[in-house]
Amino acid sequence: MKQAAEAKGLDGWLITLEFPSYYAVMTYADDRALREEVYAAYCTRASDQGPNAGQNDNGPLMPKSSTCARNWRACSASPTTAS
């Protein structure tokens, strides 16, 4: 995280929402407020909530994803010519 900050020309540490960074903070950070902030940001990173609300919102894709999953289950439950 320190190297990531230095690579971007920043002082201190750069905490991203990528899993290795998230996991390190959640496992080793003593600062409870920091852990809470990182946890909330990580859990809402692709939604209409949180500190980056709406930037990567997958909400509109969820109904389509559910439909695709339902269709796949229906197709995989039907008999095939191979059986």
C-alpha atoms as a PDB file:
ATOM      1  CA  MET A   1       0.000   0.000   0.000  1.00  0.00           C
ATOM      2  CA  LYS A   2       2.902   2.329   0.688  1.00  0.00           C
ATOM      3  CA  GLN A   3       4.434   1.473  -2.690  1.00  0.00           C
ATOM      4  CA  ALA A   4       1.093   2.132  -4.401  1.00  0.00           C
ATOM      5  CA  ALA A   5       0.976   5.612  -2.862  1.00  0.00           C
ATOM      6  CA  GLU A   6       4.569   6.328  -3.880  1.00  0.00           C
ATOM      7  CA  ALA A   7       3.868   5.144  -7.435  1.00  0.00           C
ATOM      8  CA  LYS A   8       1.075   7.726  -7.687  1.00  0.00           C
ATOM      9  CA  GLY A   9       3.221  10.432  -6.097  1.00  0.00           C
ATOM     10  CA  LEU A  10       1.239  10.471  -2.860  1.00  0.00           C
ATOM     11  CA  ASP A  11       2.440  10.599   0.731  1.00  0.00           C
ATOM     12  CA  GLY A  12       1.408   7.910   3.200  1.00  0.00           C
ATOM     13  CA  TRP A  13      -0.548   4.826   2.210  1.00  0.00           C
ATOM     14  CA  LEU A  14      -2.992   4.139  -0.619  1.00  0.00           C
ATOM     15  CA  ILE A  15      -5.812   1.806   0.345  1.00  0.00           C
ATOM     16  CA  THR A  16      -7.752   0.473  -2.621  1.00  0.00           C
ATOM     17  CA  LEU A  17     -10.876  -1.662  -2.745  1.00  0.00           C
ATOM     18  CA  GLU A  18      -8.991  -4.541  -4.318  1.00  0.00           C
ATOM     19  CA  PHE A  19      -9.074  -7.617  -2.091  1.00  0.00           C
ATOM     20  CA  PRO A  20      -5.392  -7.744  -1.024  1.00  0.00           C
ATOM     21  CA  SER A  21      -5.560  -4.155   0.219  1.00  0.00           C
ATOM     22  CA  TYR A  22      -8.978  -4.670   1.845  1.00  0.00           C
ATOM     23  CA  TYR A  23      -7.866  -7.883   3.542  1.00  0.00           C
ATOM     24  CA  ALA A  24      -4.680  -6.317   4.906  1.00  0.00           C
ATOM     25  CA  VAL A  25      -6.620  -3.446   6.473  1.00  0.00           C
ATOM     26  CA  MET A  26      -9.323  -5.690   7.903  1.00  0.00           C
ATOM     27  CA  THR A  27      -6.745  -8.101   9.322  1.00  0.00           C
ATOM     28  CA  TYR A  28      -3.993  -5.846  10.614  1.00  0.00           C
ATOM     29  CA  ALA A  29      -5.277  -2.278  11.114  1.00  0.00           C
ATOM     30  CA  ASP A  30      -5.690  -1.271  14.749  1.00  0.00           C
ATOM     31  CA  ASP A  31      -7.841   1.758  13.894  1.00  0.00           C
ATOM     32  CA  ARG A  32     -11.474   0.654  14.187  1.00  0.00           C
ATOM     33  CA  ALA A  33     -12.793   3.711  12.328  1.00  0.00           C
ATOM     34  CA  LEU A  34     -10.479   2.934   9.401  1.00  0.00           C
ATOM     35  CA  ARG A  35     -11.650  -0.685   9.316  1.00  0.00           C
ATOM     36  CA  GLU A  36     -15.302   0.446   9.375  1.00  0.00           C
ATOM     37  CA  GLU A  37     -14.722   2.924   6.540  1.00  0.00           C
ATOM     38  CA  VAL A  38     -12.894   0.390   4.377  1.00  0.00           C
ATOM     39  CA  TYR A  39     -15.513  -2.299   5.118  1.00  0.00           C
ATOM     40  CA  ALA A  40     -18.406   0.000   4.161  1.00  0.00           C
ATOM     41  CA  ALA A  41     -16.648   1.096   0.970  1.00  0.00           C
ATOM     42  CA  TYR A  42     -15.781  -2.509   0.038  1.00  0.00           C
ATOM     43  CA  CYS A  43     -19.308  -3.816   0.629  1.00  0.00           C
ATOM     44  CA  THR A  44     -20.935  -1.042  -1.412  1.00  0.00           C
ATOM     45  CA  ARG A  45     -18.333  -0.721  -4.200  1.00  0.00           C
ATOM     46  CA  ALA A  46     -20.661  -1.720  -7.064  1.00  0.00           C
ATOM     47  CA  SER A  47     -23.900  -0.238  -5.798  1.00  0.00           C
ATOM     48  CA  ASP A  48     -25.836   2.992  -5.497  1.00  0.00           C
ATOM     49  CA  GLN A  49     -24.622   3.403  -1.900  1.00  0.00           C
ATOM     50  CA  GLY A  50     -21.347   4.171  -0.165  1.00  0.00           C
ATOM     51  CA  PRO A  51     -18.593   6.710  -0.808  1.00  0.00           C
ATOM     52  CA  ASN A  52     -18.498   6.054  -4.565  1.00  0.00           C
ATOM     53  CA  ALA A  53     -22.266   5.785  -4.960  1.00  0.00           C
ATOM     54  CA  GLY A  54     -23.385   5.205  -8.512  1.00  0.00           C
ATOM     55  CA  GLN A  55     -19.938   5.202 -10.135  1.00  0.00           C
ATOM     56  CA  ASN A  56     -19.947   1.448 -10.733  1.00  0.00           C
ATOM     57  CA  ASP A  57     -23.571   0.635  -9.904  1.00  0.00           C
ATOM     58  CA  ASN A  58     -24.523  -2.888 -10.993  1.00  0.00           C
ATOM     59  CA  GLY A  59     -28.113  -2.459  -9.805  1.00  0.00           C
ATOM     60  CA  PRO A  60     -29.616  -2.084 -13.294  1.00  0.00           C
ATOM     61  CA  LEU A  61     -27.896  -5.314 -14.382  1.00  0.00           C
ATOM     62  CA  MET A  62     -29.264  -7.438 -11.535  1.00  0.00           C
ATOM     63  CA  PRO A  63     -32.719  -8.194 -13.043  1.00  0.00           C
ATOM     64  CA  LYS A  64     -31.063  -9.291 -16.296  1.00  0.00           C
ATOM     65  CA  SER A  65     -28.583 -11.440 -14.369  1.00  0.00           C
ATOM     66  CA  SER A  66     -31.433 -13.098 -12.450  1.00  0.00           C
ATOM     67  CA  THR A  67     -33.289 -13.805 -15.692  1.00  0.00           C
ATOM     68  CA  CYS A  68     -30.188 -15.361 -17.265  1.00  0.00           C
ATOM     69  CA  ALA A  69     -29.639 -17.553 -14.208  1.00  0.00           C
ATOM     70  CA  ARG A  70     -33.277 -18.670 -14.221  1.00  0.00           C
ATOM     71  CA  ASN A  71     -33.107 -19.516 -17.927  1.00  0.00           C
ATOM     72  CA  TRP A  72     -29.868 -21.445 -17.464  1.00  0.00           C
ATOM     73  CA  ARG A  73     -31.371 -23.495 -14.616  1.00  0.00           C
ATOM     74  CA  ALA A  74     -34.441 -24.265 -16.732  1.00  0.00           C
ATOM     75  CA  CYS A  75     -32.293 -25.401 -19.666  1.00  0.00           C
ATOM     76  CA  SER A  76     -29.939 -27.473 -17.557  1.00  0.00           C
ATOM     77  CA  ALA A  77     -32.848 -29.310 -15.900  1.00  0.00           C
ATOM     78  CA  SER A  78     -34.311 -30.500 -19.197  1.00  0.00           C
ATOM     79  CA  PRO A  79     -33.265 -33.807 -20.750  1.00  0.00           C
ATOM     80  CA  THR A  80     -30.676 -33.723 -23.500  1.00  0.00           C
ATOM     81  CA  THR A  81     -30.029 -35.972 -26.453  1.00  0.00           C
ATOM     82  CA  ALA A  82     -26.886 -37.197 -24.710  1.00  0.00           C
ATOM     83  CA  SER A  83     -28.823 -38.690 -21.790  1.00  0.00           C
END
